[in-house]
C-alpha cells in the first residue's frame, strides 16, 4: 500500500492519543483513523500525551487489539507511510519511564514543538 513519500496535497493530520488503551478502544480508533488518512496520501502524526504514552511501552503483556499486540501494530505503520509516532516530553517527565522503555521508532518532542505541529496541521483529532 505504500505509495511513496509523494504527499502531493501536503495535507497534515495530527492524531492525539491521551489515554491508555487498556480500558477503551481509543488506541485502535486512532490507528485506524491514521491508516485511512495515510491511504489518502496525508501526512499523519500520531502524538501520545498524558497516560496515552503507556500505549508505546515495548515488551508489555497488555491487552491485545483485535488479537494483535498494539506495539506490533505500531511497528507496521511505516509500511503505510506513518513515520511520526511522537511522545510529549512533558508527559514522559511525569513518569518514571525513560525513552528506552518505548518502541524504537518513537520521537520525543516538547509541548511547544507539538503545539507548532498542531498549528501547521490541516486536521487535528484528539482521541
PDB file of N, CA and C in Angstrom:
ATOM      1  N   UNK A   1       0.804  -1.181   0.000  1.00  0.00           N
ATOM      2  CA  UNK A   1       0.000   0.000   0.000  1.00  0.00           C
ATOM      3  C   UNK A   1       0.855   1.256   0.000  1.00  0.00           C
ATOM      4  N   UNK A   2       2.081   1.136   0.387  1.00  0.00           N
ATOM      5  CA  UNK A   2       2.954   2.294   0.444  1.00  0.00           C
ATOM      6  C   UNK A   2       3.099   2.893  -0.951  1.00  0.00           C
ATOM      7  N   UNK A   3       2.754   4.143  -1.057  1.00  0.00           N
ATOM      8  CA  UNK A   3       2.770   4.800  -2.346  1.00  0.00           C
ATOM      9  C   UNK A   3       3.908   5.790  -2.439  1.00  0.00           C
ATOM     10  N   UNK A   4       4.865   5.653  -1.541  1.00  0.00           N
ATOM     11  CA  UNK A   4       5.993   6.553  -1.558  1.00  0.00           C
ATOM     12  C   UNK A   4       5.726   7.785  -0.716  1.00  0.00           C
ATOM     13  N   UNK A   5       6.685   8.657  -0.724  1.00  0.00           N
ATOM     14  CA  UNK A   5       6.599   9.848   0.111  1.00  0.00           C
ATOM     15  C   UNK A   5       6.024  11.034  -0.649  1.00  0.00           C
ATOM     16  N   UNK A   6       5.352  10.818  -1.762  1.00  0.00           N
ATOM     17  CA  UNK A   6       4.799  11.900  -2.552  1.00  0.00           C
ATOM     18  C   UNK A   6       3.457  12.338  -1.971  1.00  0.00           C
ATOM     19  N   UNK A   7       3.509  13.114  -0.941  1.00  0.00           N
ATOM     20  CA  UNK A   7       2.306  13.638  -0.306  1.00  0.00           C
ATOM     21  C   UNK A   7       1.886  14.872  -1.103  1.00  0.00           C
ATOM     22  N   UNK A   8       1.299  14.622  -2.272  1.00  0.00           N
ATOM     23  CA  UNK A   8       1.084  15.678  -3.249  1.00  0.00           C
ATOM     24  C   UNK A   8       0.249  16.835  -2.723  1.00  0.00           C
ATOM     25  N   UNK A   9      -0.686  16.577  -1.866  1.00  0.00           N
ATOM     26  CA  UNK A   9      -1.542  17.653  -1.406  1.00  0.00           C
ATOM     27  C   UNK A   9      -1.023  18.262  -0.099  1.00  0.00           C
ATOM     28  N   UNK A  10      -0.014  17.656   0.505  1.00  0.00           N
ATOM     29  CA  UNK A  10       0.572  18.137   1.757  1.00  0.00           C
ATOM     30  C   UNK A  10      -0.466  18.360   2.854  1.00  0.00           C
ATOM     31  N   UNK A  11      -1.462  17.518   2.898  1.00  0.00           N
ATOM     32  CA  UNK A  11      -2.448  17.584   3.972  1.00  0.00           C
ATOM     33  C   UNK A  11      -1.852  16.884   5.181  1.00  0.00           C
ATOM     34  N   UNK A  12      -1.880  17.578   6.311  1.00  0.00           N
ATOM     35  CA  UNK A  12      -1.287  17.044   7.535  1.00  0.00           C
ATOM     36  C   UNK A  12      -2.385  16.806   8.557  1.00  0.00           C
ATOM     37  N   UNK A  13      -2.386  15.611   9.115  1.00  0.00           N
ATOM     38  CA  UNK A  13      -3.359  15.241  10.137  1.00  0.00           C
ATOM     39  C   UNK A  13      -2.610  14.805  11.385  1.00  0.00           C
ATOM     40  N   UNK A  14      -2.904  15.451  12.495  1.00  0.00           N
ATOM     41  CA  UNK A  14      -2.337  15.079  13.788  1.00  0.00           C
ATOM     42  C   UNK A  14      -3.414  14.389  14.607  1.00  0.00           C
ATOM     43  N   UNK A  15      -3.075  13.224  15.116  1.00  0.00           N
ATOM     44  CA  UNK A  15      -3.997  12.460  15.952  1.00  0.00           C
ATOM     45  C   UNK A  15      -3.361  12.362  17.328  1.00  0.00           C
ATOM     46  N   UNK A  16      -4.045  12.919  18.321  1.00  0.00           N
ATOM     47  CA  UNK A  16      -3.518  12.961  19.683  1.00  0.00           C
ATOM     48  C   UNK A  16      -4.217  11.900  20.517  1.00  0.00           C
ATOM     49  N   UNK A  17      -3.422  11.013  21.118  1.00  0.00           N
ATOM     50  CA  UNK A  17      -3.930   9.936  21.971  1.00  0.00           C
ATOM     51  C   UNK A  17      -3.513  10.269  23.397  1.00  0.00           C
ATOM     52  N   UNK A  18      -4.498  10.498  24.265  1.00  0.00           N
ATOM     53  CA  UNK A  18      -4.183  10.955  25.619  1.00  0.00           C
ATOM     54  C   UNK A  18      -4.554   9.955  26.707  1.00  0.00           C
ATOM     55  N   UNK A  19      -5.094   8.801  26.298  1.00  0.00           N
ATOM     56  CA  UNK A  19      -5.483   7.808  27.310  1.00  0.00           C
ATOM     57  C   UNK A  19      -4.894   6.447  26.976  1.00  0.00           C
ATOM     58  N   UNK A  20      -4.691   5.676  28.016  1.00  0.00           N
ATOM     59  CA  UNK A  20      -4.224   4.306  27.848  1.00  0.00           C
ATOM     60  C   UNK A  20      -5.334   3.494  27.209  1.00  0.00           C
ATOM     61  N   UNK A  21      -4.957   2.564  26.367  1.00  0.00           N
ATOM     62  CA  UNK A  21      -5.965   1.754  25.672  1.00  0.00           C
ATOM     63  C   UNK A  21      -6.449   0.573  26.499  1.00  0.00           C
ATOM     64  N   UNK A  22      -5.936   0.410  27.688  1.00  0.00           N
ATOM     65  CA  UNK A  22      -6.271  -0.774  28.464  1.00  0.00           C
ATOM     66  C   UNK A  22      -7.722  -0.789  28.918  1.00  0.00           C
ATOM     67  N   UNK A  23      -8.389   0.362  28.893  1.00  0.00           N
ATOM     68  CA  UNK A  23      -9.775   0.404  29.338  1.00  0.00           C
ATOM     69  C   UNK A  23     -10.743   0.846  28.249  1.00  0.00           C
ATOM     70  N   UNK A  24     -10.253   1.070  27.047  1.00  0.00           N
ATOM     71  CA  UNK A  24     -11.136   1.514  25.966  1.00  0.00           C
ATOM     72  C   UNK A  24     -10.499   1.200  24.620  1.00  0.00           C
ATOM     73  N   UNK A  25     -11.175   1.598  23.565  1.00  0.00           N
ATOM     74  CA  UNK A  25     -10.697   1.282  22.212  1.00  0.00           C
ATOM     75  C   UNK A  25     -10.049   2.479  21.524  1.00  0.00           C
ATOM     76  N   UNK A  26      -9.652   3.486  22.283  1.00  0.00           N
ATOM     77  CA  UNK A  26      -9.079   4.689  21.692  1.00  0.00           C
ATOM     78  C   UNK A  26      -7.866   4.413  20.811  1.00  0.00           C
ATOM     79  N   UNK A  27      -7.008   3.520  21.257  1.00  0.00           N
ATOM     80  CA  UNK A  27      -5.789   3.224  20.500  1.00  0.00           C
ATOM     81  C   UNK A  27      -6.142   2.701  19.110  1.00  0.00           C
ATOM     82  N   UNK A  28      -7.010   1.709  19.050  1.00  0.00           N
ATOM     83  CA  UNK A  28      -7.384   1.132  17.757  1.00  0.00           C
ATOM     84  C   UNK A  28      -8.068   2.165  16.867  1.00  0.00           C
ATOM     85  N   UNK A  29      -8.935   2.974  17.434  1.00  0.00           N
ATOM     86  CA  UNK A  29      -9.606   4.006  16.648  1.00  0.00           C
ATOM     87  C   UNK A  29      -8.607   5.016  16.096  1.00  0.00           C
ATOM     88  N   UNK A  30      -7.626   5.389  16.895  1.00  0.00           N
ATOM     89  CA  UNK A  30      -6.608   6.343  16.450  1.00  0.00           C
ATOM     90  C   UNK A  30      -5.771   5.759  15.313  1.00  0.00           C
ATOM     91  N   UNK A  31      -5.361   4.510  15.470  1.00  0.00           N
ATOM     92  CA  UNK A  31      -4.553   3.863  14.426  1.00  0.00           C
ATOM     93  C   UNK A  31      -5.381   3.685  13.152  1.00  0.00           C
ATOM     94  N   UNK A  32      -6.629   3.266  13.295  1.00  0.00           N
ATOM     95  CA  UNK A  32      -7.495   3.109  12.115  1.00  0.00           C
ATOM     96  C   UNK A  32      -7.667   4.435  11.384  1.00  0.00           C
ATOM     97  N   UNK A  33      -7.879   5.511  12.124  1.00  0.00           N
ATOM     98  CA  UNK A  33      -8.013   6.827  11.506  1.00  0.00           C
ATOM     99  C   UNK A  33      -6.712   7.213  10.803  1.00  0.00           C
ATOM    100  N   UNK A  34      -5.583   6.957  11.451  1.00  0.00           N
ATOM    101  CA  UNK A  34      -4.294   7.240  10.830  1.00  0.00           C
ATOM    102  C   UNK A  34      -4.095   6.482   9.532  1.00  0.00           C
ATOM    103  N   UNK A  35      -4.496   5.220   9.510  1.00  0.00           N
ATOM    104  CA  UNK A  35      -4.368   4.414   8.295  1.00  0.00           C
ATOM    105  C   UNK A  35      -5.245   4.944   7.167  1.00  0.00           C
ATOM    106  N   UNK A  36      -6.460   5.363   7.500  1.00  0.00           N
ATOM    107  CA  UNK A  36      -7.349   5.931   6.483  1.00  0.00           C
ATOM    108  C   UNK A  36      -6.748   7.212   5.917  1.00  0.00           C
ATOM    109  N   UNK A  37      -6.257   8.081   6.781  1.00  0.00           N
ATOM    110  CA  UNK A  37      -5.655   9.330   6.318  1.00  0.00           C
ATOM    111  C   UNK A  37      -4.432   9.060   5.447  1.00  0.00           C
ATOM    112  N   UNK A  38      -3.596   8.126   5.869  1.00  0.00           N
ATOM    113  CA  UNK A  38      -2.399   7.790   5.095  1.00  0.00           C
ATOM    114  C   UNK A  38      -2.767   7.202   3.731  1.00  0.00           C
ATOM    115  N   UNK A  39      -3.868   6.455   3.680  1.00  0.00           N
ATOM    116  CA  UNK A  39      -4.308   5.869   2.403  1.00  0.00           C
ATOM    117  C   UNK A  39      -4.668   6.956   1.391  1.00  0.00           C
ATOM    118  N   UNK A  40      -5.019   8.136   1.897  1.00  0.00           N
ATOM    119  CA  UNK A  40      -5.330   9.269   1.020  1.00  0.00           C
ATOM    120  C   UNK A  40      -4.158  10.252   0.943  1.00  0.00           C
ATOM    121  N   UNK A  41      -2.956   9.715   1.132  1.00  0.00           N
ATOM    122  CA  UNK A  41      -1.702  10.466   0.988  1.00  0.00           C
ATOM    123  C   UNK A  41      -1.580  11.658   1.924  1.00  0.00           C
ATOM    124  N   UNK A  42      -2.183  11.563   3.095  1.00  0.00           N
ATOM    125  CA  UNK A  42      -1.997  12.610   4.089  1.00  0.00           C
ATOM    126  C   UNK A  42      -0.796  12.267   4.960  1.00  0.00           C
ATOM    127  N   UNK A  43      -0.101  13.291   5.401  1.00  0.00           N
ATOM    128  CA  UNK A  43       0.974  13.103   6.370  1.00  0.00           C
ATOM    129  C   UNK A  43       0.317  12.961   7.742  1.00  0.00           C
ATOM    130  N   UNK A  44       0.641  11.883   8.439  1.00  0.00           N
ATOM    131  CA  UNK A  44      -0.003  11.581   9.722  1.00  0.00           C
ATOM    132  C   UNK A  44       1.028  11.620  10.842  1.00  0.00           C
ATOM    133  N   UNK A  45       0.690  12.339  11.907  1.00  0.00           N
ATOM    134  CA  UNK A  45       1.464  12.325  13.141  1.00  0.00           C
ATOM    135  C   UNK A  45       0.595  11.708  14.223  1.00  0.00           C
ATOM    136  N   UNK A  46       1.051  10.599  14.797  1.00  0.00           N
ATOM    137  CA  UNK A  46       0.387  10.026  15.968  1.00  0.00           C
ATOM    138  C   UNK A  46       1.113  10.577  17.187  1.00  0.00           C
ATOM    139  N   UNK A  47       0.413  11.373  17.985  1.00  0.00           N
ATOM    140  CA  UNK A  47       1.022  12.076  19.108  1.00  0.00           C
ATOM    141  C   UNK A  47       0.447  11.526  20.411  1.00  0.00           C
ATOM    142  N   UNK A  48       1.322  11.012  21.256  1.00  0.00           N
ATOM    143  CA  UNK A  48       0.902  10.394  22.516  1.00  0.00           C
ATOM    144  C   UNK A  48       1.249  11.326  23.673  1.00  0.00           C
ATOM    145  N   UNK A  49       0.241  11.654  24.474  1.00  0.00           N
ATOM    146  CA  UNK A  49       0.414  12.544  25.616  1.00  0.00           C
ATOM    147  C   UNK A  49      -0.255  11.931  26.841  1.00  0.00           C
ATOM    148  N   UNK A  50       0.041  12.494  28.000  1.00  0.00           N
ATOM    149  CA  UNK A  50      -0.559  12.062  29.268  1.00  0.00           C
ATOM    150  C   UNK A  50      -0.426  10.544  29.411  1.00  0.00           C
ATOM    151  N   UNK A  51      -1.471   9.862  29.870  1.00  0.00           N
ATOM    152  CA  UNK A  51      -1.367   8.407  30.049  1.00  0.00           C
ATOM    153  C   UNK A  51      -1.351   7.658  28.722  1.00  0.00           C
ATOM    154  N   UNK A  52      -1.608   8.359  27.637  1.00  0.00           N
ATOM    155  CA  UNK A  52      -1.550   7.731  26.322  1.00  0.00           C
ATOM    156  C   UNK A  52      -0.174   7.206  25.968  1.00  0.00           C
ATOM    157  N   UNK A  53       0.871   7.758  26.604  1.00  0.00           N
ATOM    158  CA  UNK A  53       2.225   7.295  26.281  1.00  0.00           C
ATOM    159  C   UNK A  53       2.432   5.839  26.674  1.00  0.00           C
ATOM    160  N   UNK A  54       1.621   5.325  27.607  1.00  0.00           N
ATOM    161  CA  UNK A  54       1.784   3.925  28.029  1.00  0.00           C
ATOM    162  C   UNK A  54       1.452   2.950  26.903  1.00  0.00           C
ATOM    163  N   UNK A  55       0.752   3.403  25.878  1.00  0.00           N
ATOM    164  CA  UNK A  55       0.462   2.556  24.725  1.00  0.00           C
ATOM    165  C   UNK A  55       1.720   2.162  23.969  1.00  0.00           C
ATOM    166  N   UNK A  56       2.800   2.894  24.174  1.00  0.00           N
ATOM    167  CA  UNK A  56       4.027   2.700  23.396  1.00  0.00           C
ATOM    168  C   UNK A  56       5.111   1.922  24.127  1.00  0.00           C
ATOM    169  N   UNK A  57       4.808   1.445  25.325  1.00  0.00           N
ATOM    170  CA  UNK A  57       5.810   0.695  26.085  1.00  0.00           C
ATOM    171  C   UNK A  57       6.044  -0.651  25.412  1.00  0.00           C
ATOM    172  N   UNK A  58       7.305  -0.942  25.128  1.00  0.00           N
ATOM    173  CA  UNK A  58       7.619  -2.216  24.484  1.00  0.00           C
ATOM    174  C   UNK A  58       7.617  -3.346  25.510  1.00  0.00           C
ATOM    175  N   UNK A  59       7.507  -4.552  25.023  1.00  0.00           N
ATOM    176  CA  UNK A  59       7.525  -5.776  25.828  1.00  0.00           C
ATOM    177  C   UNK A  59       6.454  -5.805  26.917  1.00  0.00           C
ATOM    178  N   UNK A  60       5.332  -5.161  26.663  1.00  0.00           N
ATOM    179  CA  UNK A  60       4.269  -5.201  27.654  1.00  0.00           C
ATOM    180  C   UNK A  60       3.370  -6.401  27.397  1.00  0.00           C
ATOM    181  N   UNK A  61       2.826  -6.934  28.460  1.00  0.00           N
ATOM    182  CA  UNK A  61       1.901  -8.066  28.324  1.00  0.00           C
ATOM    183  C   UNK A  61       0.484  -7.556  28.496  1.00  0.00           C
ATOM    184  N   UNK A  62       0.224  -6.445  27.838  1.00  0.00           N
ATOM    185  CA  UNK A  62      -1.078  -5.796  27.952  1.00  0.00           C
ATOM    186  C   UNK A  62      -2.082  -6.451  27.024  1.00  0.00           C
ATOM    187  N   UNK A  63      -3.291  -5.930  27.078  1.00  0.00           N
ATOM    188  CA  UNK A  63      -4.346  -6.481  26.236  1.00  0.00           C
ATOM    189  C   UNK A  63      -3.992  -6.313  24.773  1.00  0.00           C
ATOM    190  N   UNK A  64      -4.582  -7.119  23.973  1.00  0.00           N
ATOM    191  CA  UNK A  64      -4.322  -7.072  22.548  1.00  0.00           C
ATOM    192  C   UNK A  64      -5.509  -6.427  21.849  1.00  0.00           C
ATOM    193  N   UNK A  65      -5.255  -5.798  20.719  1.00  0.00           N
ATOM    194  CA  UNK A  65      -6.279  -5.148  19.934  1.00  0.00           C
ATOM    195  C   UNK A  65      -6.557  -6.035  18.734  1.00  0.00           C
ATOM    196  N   UNK A  66      -7.790  -6.566  18.657  1.00  0.00           N
ATOM    197  CA  UNK A  66      -8.146  -7.483  17.570  1.00  0.00           C
ATOM    198  C   UNK A  66      -7.101  -8.585  17.407  1.00  0.00           C
ATOM    199  N   UNK A  67      -6.697  -9.182  18.520  1.00  0.00           N
ATOM    200  CA  UNK A  67      -5.744 -10.284  18.551  1.00  0.00           C
ATOM    201  C   UNK A  67      -4.344  -9.901  18.079  1.00  0.00           C
ATOM    202  N   UNK A  68      -4.013  -8.631  18.112  1.00  0.00           N
ATOM    203  CA  UNK A  68      -2.670  -8.177  17.761  1.00  0.00           C
ATOM    204  C   UNK A  68      -2.156  -7.310  18.895  1.00  0.00           C
ATOM    205  N   UNK A  69      -0.928  -7.527  19.266  1.00  0.00           N
ATOM    206  CA  UNK A  69      -0.317  -6.674  20.274  1.00  0.00           C
ATOM    207  C   UNK A  69      -0.198  -5.274  19.692  1.00  0.00           C
ATOM    208  N   UNK A  70      -0.579  -4.264  20.472  1.00  0.00           N
ATOM    209  CA  UNK A  70      -0.608  -2.910  19.928  1.00  0.00           C
ATOM    210  C   UNK A  70       0.769  -2.401  19.530  1.00  0.00           C
ATOM    211  N   UNK A  71       1.810  -2.828  20.202  1.00  0.00           N
ATOM    212  CA  UNK A  71       3.157  -2.415  19.804  1.00  0.00           C
ATOM    213  C   UNK A  71       3.498  -2.997  18.432  1.00  0.00           C
ATOM    214  N   UNK A  72       3.081  -4.236  18.177  1.00  0.00           N
ATOM    215  CA  UNK A  72       3.304  -4.837  16.857  1.00  0.00           C
ATOM    216  C   UNK A  72       2.554  -4.071  15.772  1.00  0.00           C
ATOM    217  N   UNK A  73       1.366  -3.584  16.102  1.00  0.00           N
ATOM    218  CA  UNK A  73       0.601  -2.788  15.148  1.00  0.00           C
ATOM    219  C   UNK A  73       1.382  -1.523  14.792  1.00  0.00           C
ATOM    220  N   UNK A  74       1.945  -0.872  15.790  1.00  0.00           N
ATOM    221  CA  UNK A  74       2.695   0.364  15.545  1.00  0.00           C
ATOM    222  C   UNK A  74       3.927   0.121  14.695  1.00  0.00           C
ATOM    223  N   UNK A  75       4.583  -1.019  14.897  1.00  0.00           N
ATOM    224  CA  UNK A  75       5.786  -1.316  14.115  1.00  0.00           C
ATOM    225  C   UNK A  75       5.480  -1.416  12.628  1.00  0.00           C
ATOM    226  N   UNK A  76       4.264  -1.788  12.271  1.00  0.00           N
ATOM    227  CA  UNK A  76       3.885  -1.936  10.867  1.00  0.00           C
ATOM    228  C   UNK A  76       3.423  -0.655  10.197  1.00  0.00           C
ATOM    229  N   UNK A  77       3.307   0.419  10.949  1.00  0.00           N
ATOM    230  CA  UNK A  77       2.768   1.649  10.373  1.00  0.00           C
ATOM    231  C   UNK A  77       3.687   2.288   9.342  1.00  0.00           C
ATOM    232  N   UNK A  78       4.990   2.073   9.450  1.00  0.00           N
ATOM    233  CA  UNK A  78       5.914   2.644   8.467  1.00  0.00           C
ATOM    234  C   UNK A  78       5.602   2.152   7.053  1.00  0.00           C
ATOM    235  N   UNK A  79       5.089   0.940   6.947  1.00  0.00           N
ATOM    236  CA  UNK A  79       4.707   0.392   5.646  1.00  0.00           C
ATOM    237  C   UNK A  79       3.635   1.261   4.989  1.00  0.00           C
ATOM    238  N   UNK A  80       2.816   1.928   5.805  1.00  0.00           N
ATOM    239  CA  UNK A  80       1.740   2.786   5.316  1.00  0.00           C
ATOM    240  C   UNK A  80       2.145   4.264   5.327  1.00  0.00           C
ATOM    241  N   UNK A  81       3.424   4.524   5.398  1.00  0.00           N
ATOM    242  CA  UNK A  81       3.976   5.883   5.400  1.00  0.00           C
ATOM    243  C   UNK A  81       3.568   6.697   6.625  1.00  0.00           C
ATOM    244  N   UNK A  82       3.307   6.024   7.740  1.00  0.00           N
ATOM    245  CA  UNK A  82       3.101   6.726   9.002  1.00  0.00           C
ATOM    246  C   UNK A  82       4.406   6.582   9.775  1.00  0.00           C
ATOM    247  N   UNK A  83       5.224   7.615   9.657  1.00  0.00           N
ATOM    248  CA  UNK A  83       6.576   7.562  10.217  1.00  0.00           C
ATOM    249  C   UNK A  83       6.724   8.350  11.515  1.00  0.00           C
ATOM    250  N   UNK A  84       5.722   9.132  11.863  1.00  0.00           N
ATOM    251  CA  UNK A  84       5.848  10.022  13.011  1.00  0.00           C
ATOM    252  C   UNK A  84       4.987   9.550  14.179  1.00  0.00           C
ATOM    253  N   UNK A  85       5.623   8.838  15.077  1.00  0.00           N
ATOM    254  CA  UNK A  85       4.997   8.412  16.324  1.00  0.00           C
ATOM    255  C   UNK A  85       5.721   9.196  17.409  1.00  0.00           C
ATOM    256  N   UNK A  86       4.982  10.106  18.045  1.00  0.00           N
ATOM    257  CA  UNK A  86       5.601  11.125  18.901  1.00  0.00           C
ATOM    258  C   UNK A  86       5.119  10.995  20.341  1.00  0.00           C
ATOM    259  N   UNK A  87       6.042  11.134  21.279  1.00  0.00           N
ATOM    260  CA  UNK A  87       5.731  11.210  22.708  1.00  0.00           C
ATOM    261  C   UNK A  87       6.038  12.631  23.181  1.00  0.00           C
ATOM    262  N   UNK A  88       5.112  13.189  23.937  1.00  0.00           N
ATOM    263  CA  UNK A  88       5.329  14.512  24.510  1.00  0.00           C
ATOM    264  C   UNK A  88       6.316  14.413  25.674  1.00  0.00           C
ATOM    265  N   UNK A  89       7.362  15.218  25.621  1.00  0.00           N
ATOM    266  CA  UNK A  89       8.416  15.197  26.642  1.00  0.00           C
ATOM    267  C   UNK A  89       7.853  15.448  28.042  1.00  0.00           C
ATOM    268  N   UNK A  90       6.966  16.398  28.182  1.00  0.00           N
ATOM    269  CA  UNK A  90       6.417  16.739  29.487  1.00  0.00           C
ATOM    270  C   UNK A  90       5.616  15.587  30.086  1.00  0.00           C
ATOM    271  N   UNK A  91       4.918  14.833  29.265  1.00  0.00           N
ATOM    272  CA  UNK A  91       4.200  13.655  29.757  1.00  0.00           C
ATOM    273  C   UNK A  91       5.185  12.583  30.208  1.00  0.00           C
ATOM    274  N   UNK A  92       6.256  12.435  29.450  1.00  0.00           N
ATOM    275  CA  UNK A  92       7.302  11.480  29.819  1.00  0.00           C
ATOM    276  C   UNK A  92       7.947  11.870  31.143  1.00  0.00           C
ATOM    277  N   UNK A  93       8.174  13.156  31.337  1.00  0.00           N
ATOM    278  CA  UNK A  93       8.812  13.632  32.560  1.00  0.00           C
ATOM    279  C   UNK A  93       7.987  13.329  33.812  1.00  0.00           C
ATOM    280  N   UNK A  94       6.682  13.201  33.665  1.00  0.00           N
ATOM    281  CA  UNK A  94       5.805  12.932  34.811  1.00  0.00           C
ATOM    282  C   UNK A  94       5.816  11.465  35.233  1.00  0.00           C
ATOM    283  N   UNK A  95       6.472  10.629  34.455  1.00  0.00           N
ATOM    284  CA  UNK A  95       6.533   9.196  34.766  1.00  0.00           C
ATOM    285  C   UNK A  95       7.953   8.830  35.202  1.00  0.00           C
ATOM    286  N   UNK A  96       8.118   7.591  35.575  1.00  0.00           N
ATOM    287  CA  UNK A  96       9.470   7.088  35.876  1.00  0.00           C
ATOM    288  C   UNK A  96      10.029   6.317  34.684  1.00  0.00           C
ATOM    289  N   UNK A  97       9.435   6.542  33.548  1.00  0.00           N
ATOM    290  CA  UNK A  97       9.854   5.847  32.341  1.00  0.00           C
ATOM    291  C   UNK A  97      10.943   6.635  31.627  1.00  0.00           C
ATOM    292  N   UNK A  98      11.767   5.905  30.893  1.00  0.00           N
ATOM    293  CA  UNK A  98      12.816   6.503  30.080  1.00  0.00           C
ATOM    294  C   UNK A  98      12.556   6.140  28.629  1.00  0.00           C
ATOM    295  N   UNK A  99      13.216   6.814  27.733  1.00  0.00           N
ATOM    296  CA  UNK A  99      12.990   6.554  26.310  1.00  0.00           C
ATOM    297  C   UNK A  99      13.282   5.103  25.946  1.00  0.00           C
ATOM    298  N   UNK A 100      14.149   4.446  26.687  1.00  0.00           N
ATOM    299  CA  UNK A 100      14.480   3.050  26.398  1.00  0.00           C
ATOM    300  C   UNK A 100      13.308   2.109  26.674  1.00  0.00           C
ATOM    301  N   UNK A 101      12.298   2.566  27.389  1.00  0.00           N
ATOM    302  CA  UNK A 101      11.128   1.742  27.677  1.00  0.00           C
ATOM    303  C   UNK A 101      10.148   1.673  26.503  1.00  0.00           C
ATOM    304  N   UNK A 102      10.349   2.529  25.514  1.00  0.00           N
ATOM    305  CA  UNK A 102       9.396   2.648  24.426  1.00  0.00           C
ATOM    306  C   UNK A 102       9.916   2.007  23.144  1.00  0.00           C
ATOM    307  N   UNK A 103       8.995   1.765  22.227  1.00  0.00           N
ATOM    308  CA  UNK A 103       9.395   1.198  20.943  1.00  0.00           C
ATOM    309  C   UNK A 103      10.413   2.123  20.291  1.00  0.00           C
ATOM    310  N   UNK A 104      11.261   1.554  19.474  1.00  0.00           N
ATOM    311  CA  UNK A 104      12.405   2.287  18.926  1.00  0.00           C
ATOM    312  C   UNK A 104      12.035   3.429  17.996  1.00  0.00           C
ATOM    313  N   UNK A 105      10.887   3.355  17.357  1.00  0.00           N
ATOM    314  CA  UNK A 105      10.567   4.346  16.328  1.00  0.00           C
ATOM    315  C   UNK A 105       9.960   5.636  16.872  1.00  0.00           C
ATOM    316  N   UNK A 106       9.807   5.773  18.197  1.00  0.00           N
ATOM    317  CA  UNK A 106       9.196   6.986  18.724  1.00  0.00           C
ATOM    318  C   UNK A 106      10.149   8.165  18.677  1.00  0.00           C
ATOM    319  N   UNK A 107       9.557   9.333  18.552  1.00  0.00           N
ATOM    320  CA  UNK A 107      10.298  10.587  18.602  1.00  0.00           C
ATOM    321  C   UNK A 107       9.785  11.341  19.826  1.00  0.00           C
ATOM    322  N   UNK A 108      10.685  11.977  20.534  1.00  0.00           N
ATOM    323  CA  UNK A 108      10.315  12.770  21.704  1.00  0.00           C
ATOM    324  C   UNK A 108      10.299  14.238  21.289  1.00  0.00           C
ATOM    325  N   UNK A 109       9.184  14.911  21.564  1.00  0.00           N
ATOM    326  CA  UNK A 109       9.073  16.336  21.252  1.00  0.00           C
ATOM    327  C   UNK A 109       8.473  17.065  22.447  1.00  0.00           C
ATOM    328  N   UNK A 110       8.888  18.295  22.629  1.00  0.00           N
ATOM    329  CA  UNK A 110       8.347  19.103  23.712  1.00  0.00           C
ATOM    330  C   UNK A 110       6.924  19.536  23.382  1.00  0.00           C
ATOM    331  N   UNK A 111       6.224  19.998  24.401  1.00  0.00           N
ATOM    332  CA  UNK A 111       4.863  20.504  24.196  1.00  0.00           C
ATOM    333  C   UNK A 111       4.877  21.660  23.191  1.00  0.00           C
ATOM    334  N   UNK A 112       5.875  22.522  23.263  1.00  0.00           N
ATOM    335  CA  UNK A 112       5.966  23.648  22.321  1.00  0.00           C
ATOM    336  C   UNK A 112       6.145  23.154  20.884  1.00  0.00           C
ATOM    337  N   UNK A 113       6.975  22.131  20.704  1.00  0.00           N
ATOM    338  CA  UNK A 113       7.168  21.562  19.355  1.00  0.00           C
ATOM    339  C   UNK A 113       5.880  20.924  18.844  1.00  0.00           C
ATOM    340  N   UNK A 114       5.171  20.249  19.727  1.00  0.00           N
ATOM    341  CA  UNK A 114       3.902  19.620  19.338  1.00  0.00           C
ATOM    342  C   UNK A 114       2.861  20.692  19.015  1.00  0.00           C
ATOM    343  N   UNK A 115       2.836  21.761  19.801  1.00  0.00           N
ATOM    344  CA  UNK A 115       1.908  22.854  19.507  1.00  0.00           C
ATOM    345  C   UNK A 115       2.177  23.439  18.128  1.00  0.00           C
ATOM    346  N   UNK A 116       3.450  23.543  17.753  1.00  0.00           N
ATOM    347  CA  UNK A 116       3.793  24.052  16.421  1.00  0.00           C
ATOM    348  C   UNK A 116       3.308  23.077  15.337  1.00  0.00           C
ATOM    349  N   UNK A 117       3.505  21.766  15.577  1.00  0.00           N
ATOM    350  CA  UNK A 117       2.987  20.770  14.635  1.00  0.00           C
ATOM    351  C   UNK A 117       1.476  20.908  14.484  1.00  0.00           C
ATOM    352  N   UNK A 118       0.796  21.119  15.613  1.00  0.00           N
ATOM    353  CA  UNK A 118      -0.664  21.242  15.582  1.00  0.00           C
ATOM    354  C   UNK A 118      -1.104  22.498  14.833  1.00  0.00           C
ATOM    355  N   UNK A 119      -0.366  23.587  14.982  1.00  0.00           N
ATOM    356  CA  UNK A 119      -0.687  24.814  14.278  1.00  0.00           C
ATOM    357  C   UNK A 119      -0.533  24.664  12.760  1.00  0.00           C
ATOM    358  N   UNK A 120       0.407  23.812  12.362  1.00  0.00           N
ATOM    359  CA  UNK A 120       0.661  23.598  10.933  1.00  0.00           C
ATOM    360  C   UNK A 120      -0.179  22.472  10.338  1.00  0.00           C
ATOM    361  N   UNK A 121      -0.972  21.807  11.151  1.00  0.00           N
ATOM    362  CA  UNK A 121      -1.793  20.696  10.667  1.00  0.00           C
ATOM    363  C   UNK A 121      -3.092  21.205  10.036  1.00  0.00           C
ATOM    364  N   UNK A 122      -3.543  20.486   9.034  1.00  0.00           N
ATOM    365  CA  UNK A 122      -4.844  20.793   8.435  1.00  0.00           C
ATOM    366  C   UNK A 122      -5.978  20.225   9.291  1.00  0.00           C
ATOM    367  N   UNK A 123      -5.688  19.078   9.922  1.00  0.00           N
ATOM    368  CA  UNK A 123      -6.695  18.403  10.743  1.00  0.00           C
ATOM    369  C   UNK A 123      -6.059  18.006  12.065  1.00  0.00           C
ATOM    370  N   UNK A 124      -6.811  18.220  13.136  1.00  0.00           N
ATOM    371  CA  UNK A 124      -6.347  17.853  14.474  1.00  0.00           C
ATOM    372  C   UNK A 124      -7.464  17.064  15.144  1.00  0.00           C
ATOM    373  N   UNK A 125      -7.135  15.829  15.525  1.00  0.00           N
ATOM    374  CA  UNK A 125      -8.114  14.953  16.165  1.00  0.00           C
ATOM    375  C   UNK A 125      -7.547  14.526  17.507  1.00  0.00           C
ATOM    376  N   UNK A 126      -8.345  14.699  18.541  1.00  0.00           N
ATOM    377  CA  UNK A 126      -7.935  14.270  19.880  1.00  0.00           C
ATOM    378  C   UNK A 126      -8.814  13.116  20.306  1.00  0.00           C
ATOM    379  N   UNK A 127      -8.158  11.991  20.592  1.00  0.00           N
ATOM    380  CA  UNK A 127      -8.902  10.776  20.976  1.00  0.00           C
ATOM    381  C   UNK A 127      -8.544  10.432  22.398  1.00  0.00           C
TER     382      UNK A 127
END
